[in-house]
Amino acid sequence: MNNCVVNVKRTFPVSREKLWSFLNDNPEWFPGVENVVMKDNIRSFSTPDGEFVEEFFVDTENTSYNYTFLKSPFPLIDYQARFQIHELGKGECEIEWSSTFLPDAVSRDEAEMLVAGEYNKALHHLHEMSLNF
């Protein structure tokens, strides 16, 4: 079976450096994420419904990182993601968030809609926050 692929982009009215700095200073920017702990290359957090997520950061670069799930309540296998911020100039940047994975106990469409929905929800929330930087 071929991997599912999700790729979501969103433009922001701030520079790449300003947005990256905000993300690093505010680890709970993602809606519903609580109790974020970063230790070495592992980030863990909980959700309001008590689920626990653990991510392993494979590598980080200037304004991007690749990560995978170590523990997750999501019906996904072999989840590999990349989160990156591109400078667009004139005080704007773009986040590109992409991933590949296999569905587990759900259809490909359901898995792709779930992941794209989470990315879009988070980027919409972050965009609203960026209007007040």
N, C-alpha and C. Protein backbone atom coordinates (compact mmCIF):
# COMPACT_ATOMS: atom_id res chain seq x y z
N MET A 1 0.85 -1.18 0.00
CA MET A 1 0.00 0.00 0.00
C MET A 1 0.89 1.25 0.00
N ASN A 2 0.54 2.20 -0.83
CA ASN A 2 1.29 3.47 -0.88
C ASN A 2 0.94 4.34 0.32
N ASN A 3 1.92 5.11 0.76
CA ASN A 3 1.70 6.04 1.87
C ASN A 3 0.71 7.12 1.49
N CYS A 4 -0.04 7.58 2.48
CA CYS A 4 -0.86 8.78 2.33
C CYS A 4 0.10 9.97 2.37
N VAL A 5 -0.28 11.03 1.69
CA VAL A 5 0.53 12.25 1.67
C VAL A 5 -0.37 13.44 1.94
N VAL A 6 0.04 14.29 2.88
CA VAL A 6 -0.68 15.52 3.16
C VAL A 6 0.32 16.66 3.09
N ASN A 7 -0.08 17.74 2.44
CA ASN A 7 0.76 18.93 2.34
C ASN A 7 -0.14 20.16 2.45
N VAL A 8 0.08 20.96 3.49
CA VAL A 8 -0.74 22.14 3.75
C VAL A 8 0.18 23.36 3.83
N LYS A 9 -0.25 24.46 3.23
CA LYS A 9 0.52 25.71 3.26
C LYS A 9 -0.37 26.84 3.74
N ARG A 10 0.26 27.80 4.43
CA ARG A 10 -0.48 28.99 4.88
C ARG A 10 0.48 30.17 4.94
N THR A 11 0.05 31.31 4.43
CA THR A 11 0.85 32.53 4.45
C THR A 11 0.57 33.31 5.73
N PHE A 12 1.62 33.94 6.27
CA PHE A 12 1.52 34.71 7.51
C PHE A 12 2.06 36.13 7.29
N PRO A 13 1.46 37.11 7.97
CA PRO A 13 1.85 38.51 7.77
C PRO A 13 3.03 38.96 8.63
N VAL A 14 3.97 38.05 8.86
CA VAL A 14 5.17 38.35 9.65
C VAL A 14 6.38 37.68 9.00
N SER A 15 7.56 38.11 9.39
CA SER A 15 8.77 37.51 8.83
C SER A 15 8.96 36.09 9.38
N ARG A 16 9.75 35.33 8.66
CA ARG A 16 10.05 33.95 9.07
C ARG A 16 10.71 33.94 10.45
N GLU A 17 11.66 34.83 10.68
CA GLU A 17 12.37 34.85 11.95
C GLU A 17 11.43 35.19 13.11
N LYS A 18 10.52 36.13 12.88
CA LYS A 18 9.59 36.52 13.95
C LYS A 18 8.65 35.37 14.29
N LEU A 19 8.16 34.68 13.27
CA LEU A 19 7.25 33.56 13.52
C LEU A 19 7.98 32.40 14.19
N TRP A 20 9.19 32.10 13.73
CA TRP A 20 9.98 31.01 14.32
C TRP A 20 10.27 31.31 15.80
N SER A 21 10.62 32.55 16.09
CA SER A 21 10.89 32.96 17.46
C SER A 21 9.65 32.78 18.33
N PHE A 22 8.49 33.19 17.80
CA PHE A 22 7.24 33.02 18.54
C PHE A 22 6.97 31.54 18.82
N LEU A 23 7.15 30.69 17.84
CA LEU A 23 6.90 29.26 18.02
C LEU A 23 7.81 28.67 19.09
N ASN A 24 9.07 29.06 19.07
CA ASN A 24 10.02 28.55 20.06
C ASN A 24 9.72 29.04 21.47
N ASP A 25 9.18 30.26 21.57
CA ASP A 25 8.86 30.83 22.88
C ASP A 25 7.49 30.39 23.40
N ASN A 26 6.67 29.82 22.55
CA ASN A 26 5.29 29.45 22.91
C ASN A 26 4.99 28.03 22.45
N PRO A 27 5.51 27.01 23.14
CA PRO A 27 5.34 25.63 22.69
C PRO A 27 3.89 25.14 22.69
N GLU A 28 3.00 25.85 23.35
CA GLU A 28 1.60 25.43 23.39
C GLU A 28 0.74 26.22 22.40
N TRP A 29 1.35 26.67 21.28
CA TRP A 29 0.61 27.43 20.26
C TRP A 29 -0.43 26.58 19.55
N PHE A 30 -0.22 25.30 19.48
CA PHE A 30 -1.15 24.40 18.79
C PHE A 30 -2.40 24.26 19.65
N PRO A 31 -3.60 24.51 19.09
CA PRO A 31 -4.82 24.46 19.90
C PRO A 31 -5.03 23.09 20.55
N GLY A 32 -5.28 23.10 21.84
CA GLY A 32 -5.55 21.86 22.56
C GLY A 32 -4.32 21.17 23.11
N VAL A 33 -3.15 21.70 22.84
CA VAL A 33 -1.91 21.09 23.35
C VAL A 33 -1.63 21.67 24.73
N GLU A 34 -1.35 20.78 25.68
CA GLU A 34 -1.09 21.20 27.05
C GLU A 34 0.15 20.48 27.59
N ASN A 35 0.76 21.05 28.60
CA ASN A 35 1.86 20.40 29.31
C ASN A 35 2.99 19.95 28.39
N VAL A 36 3.44 20.86 27.55
CA VAL A 36 4.51 20.53 26.61
C VAL A 36 5.85 20.42 27.34
N VAL A 37 6.55 19.33 27.08
CA VAL A 37 7.88 19.12 27.64
C VAL A 37 8.80 18.73 26.50
N MET A 38 9.93 19.43 26.40
CA MET A 38 10.93 19.11 25.39
C MET A 38 12.18 18.65 26.12
N LYS A 39 12.60 17.41 25.84
CA LYS A 39 13.82 16.87 26.45
C LYS A 39 14.62 16.18 25.37
N ASP A 40 15.82 16.68 25.16
CA ASP A 40 16.66 16.20 24.07
C ASP A 40 15.89 16.36 22.77
N ASN A 41 15.67 15.30 22.03
CA ASN A 41 14.94 15.39 20.76
C ASN A 41 13.51 14.88 20.87
N ILE A 42 12.99 14.80 22.08
CA ILE A 42 11.64 14.27 22.27
C ILE A 42 10.75 15.35 22.88
N ARG A 43 9.62 15.60 22.20
CA ARG A 43 8.62 16.53 22.71
C ARG A 43 7.39 15.71 23.09
N SER A 44 6.90 15.93 24.29
CA SER A 44 5.69 15.25 24.73
C SER A 44 4.67 16.28 25.19
N PHE A 45 3.40 15.92 25.05
CA PHE A 45 2.33 16.81 25.48
C PHE A 45 1.05 16.01 25.64
N SER A 46 0.08 16.63 26.26
CA SER A 46 -1.22 16.00 26.42
C SER A 46 -2.28 16.84 25.73
N THR A 47 -3.43 16.22 25.51
CA THR A 47 -4.56 16.90 24.90
C THR A 47 -5.63 17.09 25.97
N PRO A 48 -6.61 17.97 25.74
CA PRO A 48 -7.65 18.20 26.75
C PRO A 48 -8.43 16.95 27.13
N ASP A 49 -8.52 15.97 26.23
CA ASP A 49 -9.26 14.75 26.56
C ASP A 49 -8.36 13.69 27.19
N GLY A 50 -7.14 14.08 27.59
CA GLY A 50 -6.28 13.19 28.34
C GLY A 50 -5.38 12.29 27.51
N GLU A 51 -5.38 12.46 26.21
CA GLU A 51 -4.50 11.66 25.36
C GLU A 51 -3.06 12.17 25.49
N PHE A 52 -2.12 11.29 25.27
CA PHE A 52 -0.70 11.62 25.39
C PHE A 52 -0.03 11.44 24.04
N VAL A 53 0.78 12.42 23.65
CA VAL A 53 1.49 12.37 22.38
C VAL A 53 2.98 12.56 22.66
N GLU A 54 3.79 11.77 21.97
CA GLU A 54 5.23 11.90 22.08
C GLU A 54 5.81 11.91 20.67
N GLU A 55 6.62 12.94 20.39
CA GLU A 55 7.21 13.10 19.07
C GLU A 55 8.73 13.05 19.17
N PHE A 56 9.35 12.46 18.17
CA PHE A 56 10.80 12.42 18.09
C PHE A 56 11.24 13.34 16.96
N PHE A 57 12.09 14.32 17.29
CA PHE A 57 12.59 15.25 16.29
C PHE A 57 13.81 14.62 15.63
N VAL A 58 13.64 14.24 14.37
CA VAL A 58 14.70 13.59 13.62
C VAL A 58 15.83 14.57 13.35
N ASP A 59 15.47 15.75 12.92
CA ASP A 59 16.46 16.81 12.73
C ASP A 59 15.77 18.15 12.71
N THR A 60 16.53 19.16 13.07
CA THR A 60 16.02 20.52 13.02
C THR A 60 17.03 21.35 12.25
N GLU A 61 16.52 22.28 11.49
CA GLU A 61 17.37 23.18 10.72
C GLU A 61 17.03 24.59 11.13
N ASN A 62 17.42 25.56 10.33
CA ASN A 62 17.23 26.96 10.65
C ASN A 62 15.79 27.27 11.05
N THR A 63 14.85 27.06 10.19
CA THR A 63 13.44 27.31 10.52
C THR A 63 12.57 26.14 10.02
N SER A 64 13.03 24.93 10.32
CA SER A 64 12.26 23.75 9.95
C SER A 64 12.66 22.57 10.84
N TYR A 65 11.80 21.57 10.88
CA TYR A 65 12.15 20.34 11.57
C TYR A 65 11.37 19.17 10.98
N ASN A 66 11.96 18.00 11.12
CA ASN A 66 11.32 16.75 10.73
C ASN A 66 11.06 15.98 12.02
N TYR A 67 9.90 15.34 12.10
CA TYR A 67 9.57 14.60 13.31
C TYR A 67 8.70 13.39 12.97
N THR A 68 8.63 12.49 13.93
CA THR A 68 7.79 11.31 13.81
C THR A 68 7.11 11.07 15.16
N PHE A 69 6.01 10.35 15.15
CA PHE A 69 5.33 10.01 16.40
C PHE A 69 5.99 8.80 17.05
N LEU A 70 6.24 8.90 18.35
CA LEU A 70 6.63 7.74 19.14
C LEU A 70 5.38 7.14 19.80
N LYS A 71 4.50 8.04 20.27
CA LYS A 71 3.20 7.65 20.85
C LYS A 71 2.16 8.63 20.35
N SER A 72 1.01 8.10 19.97
CA SER A 72 -0.03 8.98 19.44
C SER A 72 -1.38 8.27 19.49
N PRO A 73 -2.45 9.01 19.76
CA PRO A 73 -3.79 8.41 19.72
C PRO A 73 -4.36 8.35 18.30
N PHE A 74 -3.64 8.90 17.34
CA PHE A 74 -4.15 8.98 15.97
C PHE A 74 -4.01 7.64 15.24
N PRO A 75 -4.95 7.33 14.37
CA PRO A 75 -4.93 6.04 13.66
C PRO A 75 -3.96 6.06 12.47
N LEU A 76 -2.67 6.23 12.79
CA LEU A 76 -1.65 6.38 11.76
C LEU A 76 -0.46 5.48 12.08
N ILE A 77 0.15 4.95 11.04
CA ILE A 77 1.36 4.14 11.17
C ILE A 77 2.46 4.82 10.37
N ASP A 78 3.66 4.78 10.90
CA ASP A 78 4.84 5.31 10.21
C ASP A 78 4.67 6.77 9.80
N TYR A 79 4.15 7.57 10.72
CA TYR A 79 3.95 9.01 10.48
C TYR A 79 5.30 9.71 10.45
N GLN A 80 5.59 10.39 9.35
CA GLN A 80 6.81 11.17 9.17
C GLN A 80 6.38 12.56 8.70
N ALA A 81 6.80 13.61 9.40
CA ALA A 81 6.34 14.95 9.05
C ALA A 81 7.49 15.94 8.94
N ARG A 82 7.24 16.99 8.17
CA ARG A 82 8.18 18.10 8.04
C ARG A 82 7.39 19.40 8.21
N PHE A 83 7.89 20.26 9.07
CA PHE A 83 7.30 21.57 9.34
C PHE A 83 8.37 22.59 8.98
N GLN A 84 8.07 23.47 8.02
CA GLN A 84 9.08 24.44 7.61
C GLN A 84 8.46 25.80 7.33
N ILE A 85 9.25 26.83 7.56
CA ILE A 85 8.81 28.20 7.31
C ILE A 85 9.68 28.78 6.21
N HIS A 86 9.03 29.28 5.17
CA HIS A 86 9.72 29.90 4.04
C HIS A 86 9.54 31.41 4.11
N GLU A 87 10.61 32.15 3.92
CA GLU A 87 10.53 33.61 3.85
C GLU A 87 9.95 33.99 2.49
N LEU A 88 8.97 34.88 2.47
CA LEU A 88 8.38 35.34 1.22
C LEU A 88 8.80 36.77 0.87
N GLY A 89 9.37 37.47 1.84
CA GLY A 89 9.74 38.86 1.62
C GLY A 89 8.60 39.79 1.99
N LYS A 90 8.90 41.07 2.03
CA LYS A 90 7.91 42.10 2.36
C LYS A 90 7.16 41.80 3.67
N GLY A 91 7.88 41.22 4.65
CA GLY A 91 7.29 40.97 5.96
C GLY A 91 6.32 39.81 6.00
N GLU A 92 6.42 38.89 5.04
CA GLU A 92 5.53 37.73 5.04
C GLU A 92 6.35 36.44 4.97
N CYS A 93 5.73 35.37 5.44
CA CYS A 93 6.34 34.05 5.34
C CYS A 93 5.24 33.02 5.10
N GLU A 94 5.65 31.81 4.83
CA GLU A 94 4.70 30.72 4.58
C GLU A 94 5.14 29.49 5.35
N ILE A 95 4.19 28.88 6.03
CA ILE A 95 4.45 27.59 6.66
C ILE A 95 4.00 26.52 5.69
N GLU A 96 4.86 25.54 5.51
CA GLU A 96 4.51 24.34 4.76
C GLU A 96 4.65 23.16 5.71
N TRP A 97 3.55 22.43 5.88
CA TRP A 97 3.53 21.30 6.81
C TRP A 97 3.12 20.08 6.01
N SER A 98 4.00 19.12 5.91
CA SER A 98 3.73 17.94 5.09
C SER A 98 4.02 16.66 5.87
N SER A 99 3.39 15.59 5.44
CA SER A 99 3.62 14.31 6.10
C SER A 99 3.27 13.14 5.18
N THR A 100 3.83 12.01 5.53
CA THR A 100 3.47 10.74 4.91
C THR A 100 3.17 9.76 6.04
N PHE A 101 2.28 8.81 5.78
CA PHE A 101 1.87 7.85 6.80
C PHE A 101 0.98 6.80 6.16
N LEU A 102 0.70 5.76 6.92
CA LEU A 102 -0.27 4.75 6.52
C LEU A 102 -1.45 4.83 7.48
N PRO A 103 -2.66 4.64 6.98
CA PRO A 103 -3.82 4.63 7.87
C PRO A 103 -3.86 3.34 8.68
N ASP A 104 -4.42 3.42 9.88
CA ASP A 104 -4.56 2.26 10.75
C ASP A 104 -6.01 2.18 11.23
N ALA A 105 -6.75 1.23 10.71
CA ALA A 105 -8.15 0.99 11.09
C ALA A 105 -9.11 2.08 10.61
N VAL A 106 -8.66 2.92 9.69
CA VAL A 106 -9.52 3.91 9.03
C VAL A 106 -9.14 3.92 7.55
N SER A 107 -9.98 4.50 6.74
CA SER A 107 -9.69 4.58 5.30
C SER A 107 -8.58 5.61 5.03
N ARG A 108 -8.01 5.54 3.85
CA ARG A 108 -7.00 6.53 3.44
C ARG A 108 -7.60 7.93 3.49
N ASP A 109 -8.82 8.07 2.95
CA ASP A 109 -9.46 9.38 2.94
C ASP A 109 -9.67 9.92 4.34
N GLU A 110 -10.12 9.05 5.26
CA GLU A 110 -10.35 9.49 6.64
C GLU A 110 -9.03 9.92 7.30
N ALA A 111 -7.97 9.16 7.08
CA ALA A 111 -6.67 9.49 7.67
C ALA A 111 -6.15 10.81 7.11
N GLU A 112 -6.24 10.98 5.79
CA GLU A 112 -5.76 12.22 5.18
C GLU A 112 -6.58 13.42 5.63
N MET A 113 -7.89 13.25 5.75
CA MET A 113 -8.74 14.35 6.21
C MET A 113 -8.44 14.69 7.67
N LEU A 114 -8.17 13.69 8.49
CA LEU A 114 -7.83 13.93 9.89
C LEU A 114 -6.55 14.76 10.00
N VAL A 115 -5.51 14.33 9.31
CA VAL A 115 -4.23 15.04 9.40
C VAL A 115 -4.33 16.43 8.80
N ALA A 116 -4.91 16.56 7.61
CA ALA A 116 -5.06 17.88 6.99
C ALA A 116 -5.91 18.79 7.87
N GLY A 117 -6.95 18.23 8.48
CA GLY A 117 -7.80 19.02 9.37
C GLY A 117 -7.04 19.54 10.58
N GLU A 118 -6.19 18.70 11.17
CA GLU A 118 -5.38 19.13 12.32
C GLU A 118 -4.40 20.22 11.90
N TYR A 119 -3.73 20.04 10.77
CA TYR A 119 -2.79 21.04 10.29
C TYR A 119 -3.51 22.37 10.02
N ASN A 120 -4.63 22.31 9.31
CA ASN A 120 -5.36 23.53 8.98
C ASN A 120 -5.88 24.24 10.23
N LYS A 121 -6.39 23.48 11.20
CA LYS A 121 -6.87 24.06 12.45
C LYS A 121 -5.73 24.78 13.17
N ALA A 122 -4.58 24.13 13.24
CA ALA A 122 -3.44 24.72 13.94
C ALA A 122 -2.92 25.96 13.21
N LEU A 123 -2.83 25.88 11.89
CA LEU A 123 -2.31 27.03 11.14
C LEU A 123 -3.28 28.20 11.15
N HIS A 124 -4.58 27.92 11.15
CA HIS A 124 -5.57 29.00 11.26
C HIS A 124 -5.41 29.69 12.62
N HIS A 125 -5.30 28.90 13.67
CA HIS A 125 -5.13 29.45 15.02
C HIS A 125 -3.85 30.28 15.11
N LEU A 126 -2.76 29.76 14.56
CA LEU A 126 -1.49 30.47 14.57
C LEU A 126 -1.58 31.76 13.75
N HIS A 127 -2.29 31.71 12.63
CA HIS A 127 -2.45 32.91 11.81
C HIS A 127 -3.19 34.00 12.61
N GLU A 128 -4.25 33.61 13.29
CA GLU A 128 -4.99 34.58 14.12
C GLU A 128 -4.07 35.18 15.18
N MET A 129 -3.24 34.36 15.79
CA MET A 129 -2.30 34.86 16.80
C MET A 129 -1.28 35.81 16.17
N SER A 130 -0.84 35.50 14.95
CA SER A 130 0.20 36.31 14.30
C SER A 130 -0.29 37.71 13.97
N LEU A 131 -1.58 37.93 13.90
CA LEU A 131 -2.11 39.27 13.63
C LEU A 131 -1.86 40.22 14.79
N ASN A 132 -1.52 39.66 15.95
CA ASN A 132 -1.26 40.47 17.14
C ASN A 132 0.23 40.52 17.54
N PHE A 133 1.11 40.07 16.68
CA PHE A 133 2.56 40.11 16.99
C PHE A 133 3.02 41.54 17.02
